[in-house]
Amino acid sequence: MLPIERQGLVLDPPAADALAHGHFFELAAVRNYHLMMASGLYRDQIDDFLRHRRAGDHVSMYTISGEEFDRFSVTPVAYHSTTDTRLYRITRNP
C-alpha cells in the first residue's frame, strides 16, 4: 500500500458550495456539526491563525471567510499527541 502524501477535505456538493461562498460554518451549524479536526501542517496553520486573529479583521483562512470567523468561535478542545491531531469546537457567537 502506498503512503498518503497529503490530506484534503472531502465535501458533498452543498458543503463545497458553502465553503466556496463563505457559509461553511453556517452549514455545519445547520447540520448540527460542532467539531473540526486537523493534524500536522493544517493544525499548525489553524493554531497560528487563531492565535493571531482579532475580531473584525476579516482575514480568511483557506476559503473560510473572515466574516464567518466573526460569527463563530473556533476553540481548541483536545490534542492527541500520537497522531498530532487537535480537535476544535465551532460555536455560533451570541
N, C-alpha and C. Protein backbone atom coordinates (compact mmCIF):
# COMPACT_ATOMS: atom_id res chain seq x y z
N MET A 1 0.83 -1.17 0.00
CA MET A 1 0.00 0.00 0.00
C MET A 1 0.89 1.24 0.00
N LEU A 2 0.57 2.19 -0.84
CA LEU A 2 1.33 3.43 -0.93
C LEU A 2 0.95 4.37 0.20
N PRO A 3 1.91 5.13 0.71
CA PRO A 3 1.58 6.10 1.77
C PRO A 3 0.75 7.25 1.22
N ILE A 4 -0.04 7.83 2.08
CA ILE A 4 -0.81 9.02 1.70
C ILE A 4 0.10 10.22 1.84
N GLU A 5 0.27 10.95 0.75
CA GLU A 5 1.22 12.06 0.75
C GLU A 5 0.63 13.38 1.22
N ARG A 6 -0.66 13.54 1.15
CA ARG A 6 -1.27 14.81 1.58
C ARG A 6 -2.68 14.56 2.10
N GLN A 7 -3.20 15.53 2.79
CA GLN A 7 -4.54 15.44 3.33
C GLN A 7 -5.43 16.38 2.55
N GLY A 8 -6.70 16.14 2.63
CA GLY A 8 -7.64 17.03 1.99
C GLY A 8 -8.97 17.01 2.71
N LEU A 9 -9.85 17.86 2.28
CA LEU A 9 -11.17 17.95 2.85
C LEU A 9 -12.14 17.42 1.81
N VAL A 10 -12.89 16.38 2.16
CA VAL A 10 -13.86 15.79 1.25
C VAL A 10 -15.23 16.31 1.63
N LEU A 11 -15.92 16.92 0.68
CA LEU A 11 -17.20 17.55 0.94
C LEU A 11 -18.26 17.10 -0.05
N ASP A 12 -19.50 17.05 0.40
CA ASP A 12 -20.60 16.82 -0.54
C ASP A 12 -20.85 18.14 -1.28
N PRO A 13 -21.61 18.12 -2.39
CA PRO A 13 -21.80 19.35 -3.17
C PRO A 13 -22.32 20.55 -2.38
N PRO A 14 -23.33 20.40 -1.50
CA PRO A 14 -23.77 21.59 -0.74
C PRO A 14 -22.67 22.14 0.18
N ALA A 15 -21.87 21.27 0.77
CA ALA A 15 -20.79 21.73 1.65
C ALA A 15 -19.69 22.41 0.84
N ALA A 16 -19.37 21.88 -0.32
CA ALA A 16 -18.37 22.51 -1.19
C ALA A 16 -18.83 23.89 -1.61
N ASP A 17 -20.12 24.02 -1.92
CA ASP A 17 -20.68 25.31 -2.30
C ASP A 17 -20.63 26.29 -1.13
N ALA A 18 -20.97 25.81 0.06
CA ALA A 18 -20.94 26.66 1.26
C ALA A 18 -19.52 27.13 1.54
N LEU A 19 -18.55 26.25 1.39
CA LEU A 19 -17.15 26.62 1.62
C LEU A 19 -16.71 27.67 0.61
N ALA A 20 -17.11 27.49 -0.64
CA ALA A 20 -16.71 28.42 -1.70
C ALA A 20 -17.36 29.80 -1.54
N HIS A 21 -18.53 29.86 -0.89
CA HIS A 21 -19.26 31.12 -0.79
C HIS A 21 -19.33 31.70 0.61
N GLY A 22 -18.45 31.24 1.51
CA GLY A 22 -18.33 31.86 2.82
C GLY A 22 -19.41 31.50 3.81
N HIS A 23 -20.01 30.31 3.67
CA HIS A 23 -21.07 29.89 4.59
C HIS A 23 -20.81 28.50 5.16
N PHE A 24 -19.55 28.13 5.28
CA PHE A 24 -19.19 26.77 5.71
C PHE A 24 -19.61 26.50 7.15
N PHE A 25 -19.31 27.41 8.07
CA PHE A 25 -19.70 27.22 9.47
C PHE A 25 -21.22 27.28 9.62
N GLU A 26 -21.87 28.12 8.81
CA GLU A 26 -23.34 28.19 8.84
C GLU A 26 -23.94 26.82 8.50
N LEU A 27 -23.44 26.20 7.44
CA LEU A 27 -23.94 24.88 7.04
C LEU A 27 -23.63 23.85 8.12
N ALA A 28 -22.45 23.93 8.70
CA ALA A 28 -22.10 22.99 9.77
C ALA A 28 -23.07 23.14 10.94
N ALA A 29 -23.43 24.36 11.29
CA ALA A 29 -24.37 24.59 12.39
C ALA A 29 -25.75 24.03 12.06
N VAL A 30 -26.20 24.25 10.82
CA VAL A 30 -27.50 23.71 10.40
C VAL A 30 -27.50 22.19 10.48
N ARG A 31 -26.38 21.57 10.13
CA ARG A 31 -26.26 20.11 10.16
C ARG A 31 -25.95 19.58 11.56
N ASN A 32 -25.83 20.50 12.51
CA ASN A 32 -25.54 20.14 13.90
C ASN A 32 -24.14 19.53 14.06
N TYR A 33 -23.20 19.98 13.24
CA TYR A 33 -21.80 19.59 13.36
C TYR A 33 -21.09 20.71 14.12
N HIS A 34 -20.40 20.34 15.18
CA HIS A 34 -19.78 21.36 16.00
C HIS A 34 -18.30 21.11 16.26
N LEU A 35 -17.72 20.12 15.59
CA LEU A 35 -16.32 19.80 15.81
C LEU A 35 -15.55 19.78 14.50
N MET A 36 -14.29 20.12 14.57
CA MET A 36 -13.40 20.10 13.42
C MET A 36 -12.07 19.50 13.89
N MET A 37 -11.44 18.66 13.06
CA MET A 37 -10.15 18.07 13.40
C MET A 37 -9.10 18.51 12.41
N ALA A 38 -7.87 18.66 12.88
CA ALA A 38 -6.76 18.99 12.00
C ALA A 38 -5.48 18.41 12.59
N SER A 39 -4.59 18.02 11.69
CA SER A 39 -3.31 17.48 12.16
C SER A 39 -2.18 18.03 11.30
N GLY A 40 -0.96 17.84 11.80
CA GLY A 40 0.24 18.23 11.06
C GLY A 40 0.25 19.70 10.69
N LEU A 41 0.57 19.97 9.44
CA LEU A 41 0.68 21.35 8.95
C LEU A 41 -0.65 22.10 9.07
N TYR A 42 -1.78 21.42 8.78
CA TYR A 42 -3.08 22.08 8.93
C TYR A 42 -3.30 22.53 10.37
N ARG A 43 -2.97 21.68 11.33
CA ARG A 43 -3.12 22.03 12.74
C ARG A 43 -2.25 23.24 13.07
N ASP A 44 -1.00 23.21 12.63
CA ASP A 44 -0.10 24.34 12.88
C ASP A 44 -0.65 25.64 12.31
N GLN A 45 -1.18 25.58 11.09
CA GLN A 45 -1.71 26.79 10.45
C GLN A 45 -2.96 27.30 11.15
N ILE A 46 -3.85 26.40 11.54
CA ILE A 46 -5.06 26.81 12.24
C ILE A 46 -4.71 27.40 13.60
N ASP A 47 -3.82 26.74 14.34
CA ASP A 47 -3.42 27.27 15.65
C ASP A 47 -2.81 28.66 15.52
N ASP A 48 -1.94 28.85 14.54
CA ASP A 48 -1.31 30.16 14.33
C ASP A 48 -2.36 31.20 13.94
N PHE A 49 -3.26 30.82 13.06
CA PHE A 49 -4.33 31.73 12.64
C PHE A 49 -5.17 32.16 13.83
N LEU A 50 -5.60 31.21 14.65
CA LEU A 50 -6.45 31.52 15.80
C LEU A 50 -5.70 32.36 16.84
N ARG A 51 -4.43 32.11 17.01
CA ARG A 51 -3.62 32.85 17.97
C ARG A 51 -3.50 34.33 17.59
N HIS A 52 -3.38 34.61 16.29
CA HIS A 52 -3.14 35.98 15.84
C HIS A 52 -4.38 36.73 15.37
N ARG A 53 -5.47 36.04 15.19
CA ARG A 53 -6.69 36.65 14.66
C ARG A 53 -7.36 37.54 15.69
N ARG A 54 -7.87 38.66 15.24
CA ARG A 54 -8.62 39.58 16.08
C ARG A 54 -10.00 39.78 15.46
N ALA A 55 -11.02 39.87 16.29
CA ALA A 55 -12.38 40.07 15.80
C ALA A 55 -12.44 41.30 14.90
N GLY A 56 -13.14 41.16 13.80
CA GLY A 56 -13.32 42.28 12.90
C GLY A 56 -12.22 42.48 11.88
N ASP A 57 -11.17 41.65 11.89
CA ASP A 57 -10.10 41.87 10.91
C ASP A 57 -10.43 41.26 9.54
N HIS A 58 -11.46 40.44 9.46
CA HIS A 58 -11.97 39.87 8.21
C HIS A 58 -10.94 39.09 7.42
N VAL A 59 -9.95 38.54 8.10
CA VAL A 59 -8.95 37.70 7.43
C VAL A 59 -9.53 36.30 7.29
N SER A 60 -9.44 35.74 6.09
CA SER A 60 -9.97 34.40 5.86
C SER A 60 -8.88 33.36 6.07
N MET A 61 -9.30 32.12 6.25
CA MET A 61 -8.37 31.01 6.31
C MET A 61 -8.84 29.98 5.32
N TYR A 62 -7.95 29.60 4.42
CA TYR A 62 -8.33 28.78 3.27
C TYR A 62 -9.47 29.53 2.59
N THR A 63 -10.64 28.93 2.46
CA THR A 63 -11.76 29.69 1.88
C THR A 63 -12.85 29.95 2.92
N ILE A 64 -12.53 29.81 4.20
CA ILE A 64 -13.48 30.17 5.25
C ILE A 64 -13.30 31.67 5.49
N SER A 65 -14.35 32.42 5.26
CA SER A 65 -14.25 33.88 5.27
C SER A 65 -14.02 34.44 6.67
N GLY A 66 -13.42 35.60 6.70
CA GLY A 66 -13.23 36.31 7.96
C GLY A 66 -14.54 36.68 8.61
N GLU A 67 -15.57 36.95 7.79
CA GLU A 67 -16.89 37.27 8.33
C GLU A 67 -17.46 36.07 9.10
N GLU A 68 -17.19 34.86 8.59
CA GLU A 68 -17.66 33.67 9.32
C GLU A 68 -16.91 33.52 10.63
N PHE A 69 -15.63 33.84 10.62
CA PHE A 69 -14.87 33.77 11.87
C PHE A 69 -15.36 34.83 12.86
N ASP A 70 -16.02 35.90 12.38
CA ASP A 70 -16.62 36.86 13.29
C ASP A 70 -17.93 36.33 13.87
N ARG A 71 -18.66 35.54 13.09
CA ARG A 71 -19.95 35.00 13.56
C ARG A 71 -19.80 33.75 14.41
N PHE A 72 -18.67 33.06 14.29
CA PHE A 72 -18.44 31.80 15.00
C PHE A 72 -17.11 31.86 15.74
N SER A 73 -17.03 31.12 16.82
CA SER A 73 -15.77 30.96 17.54
C SER A 73 -15.24 29.55 17.29
N VAL A 74 -13.94 29.45 17.08
CA VAL A 74 -13.27 28.16 16.90
C VAL A 74 -12.28 28.03 18.06
N THR A 75 -12.49 27.02 18.90
CA THR A 75 -11.71 26.86 20.12
C THR A 75 -11.08 25.49 20.18
N PRO A 76 -9.76 25.39 20.39
CA PRO A 76 -9.14 24.07 20.58
C PRO A 76 -9.66 23.43 21.86
N VAL A 77 -10.04 22.15 21.78
CA VAL A 77 -10.59 21.49 22.97
C VAL A 77 -9.83 20.22 23.36
N ALA A 78 -9.06 19.64 22.45
CA ALA A 78 -8.32 18.41 22.79
C ALA A 78 -7.17 18.23 21.80
N TYR A 79 -6.15 17.50 22.25
CA TYR A 79 -5.00 17.20 21.40
C TYR A 79 -4.57 15.75 21.63
N HIS A 80 -4.29 15.04 20.55
CA HIS A 80 -3.82 13.65 20.63
C HIS A 80 -2.39 13.63 20.09
N SER A 81 -1.42 13.44 20.98
CA SER A 81 -0.01 13.59 20.59
C SER A 81 0.48 12.48 19.66
N THR A 82 -0.06 11.28 19.77
CA THR A 82 0.39 10.18 18.91
C THR A 82 0.09 10.46 17.44
N THR A 83 -1.08 11.02 17.17
CA THR A 83 -1.47 11.33 15.79
C THR A 83 -1.26 12.79 15.43
N ASP A 84 -0.80 13.61 16.40
CA ASP A 84 -0.59 15.05 16.19
C ASP A 84 -1.87 15.72 15.70
N THR A 85 -3.00 15.33 16.29
CA THR A 85 -4.31 15.83 15.87
C THR A 85 -4.94 16.67 16.97
N ARG A 86 -5.48 17.81 16.58
CA ARG A 86 -6.20 18.67 17.53
C ARG A 86 -7.67 18.70 17.13
N LEU A 87 -8.52 18.73 18.14
CA LEU A 87 -9.96 18.82 17.96
C LEU A 87 -10.37 20.24 18.33
N TYR A 88 -11.21 20.85 17.49
CA TYR A 88 -11.67 22.22 17.70
C TYR A 88 -13.20 22.23 17.80
N ARG A 89 -13.74 23.07 18.67
CA ARG A 89 -15.19 23.25 18.78
C ARG A 89 -15.56 24.52 18.02
N ILE A 90 -16.62 24.41 17.23
CA ILE A 90 -17.15 25.55 16.49
C ILE A 90 -18.48 25.95 17.13
N THR A 91 -18.58 27.19 17.59
CA THR A 91 -19.82 27.66 18.21
C THR A 91 -20.21 29.02 17.63
N ARG A 92 -21.51 29.19 17.48
CA ARG A 92 -22.02 30.48 16.98
C ARG A 92 -21.91 31.52 18.08
N ASN A 93 -21.39 32.69 17.75
CA ASN A 93 -21.29 33.78 18.72
C ASN A 93 -22.69 34.36 18.97
N PRO A 94 -22.93 34.82 20.21
CA PRO A 94 -24.25 35.42 20.53
C PRO A 94 -24.45 36.73 19.81
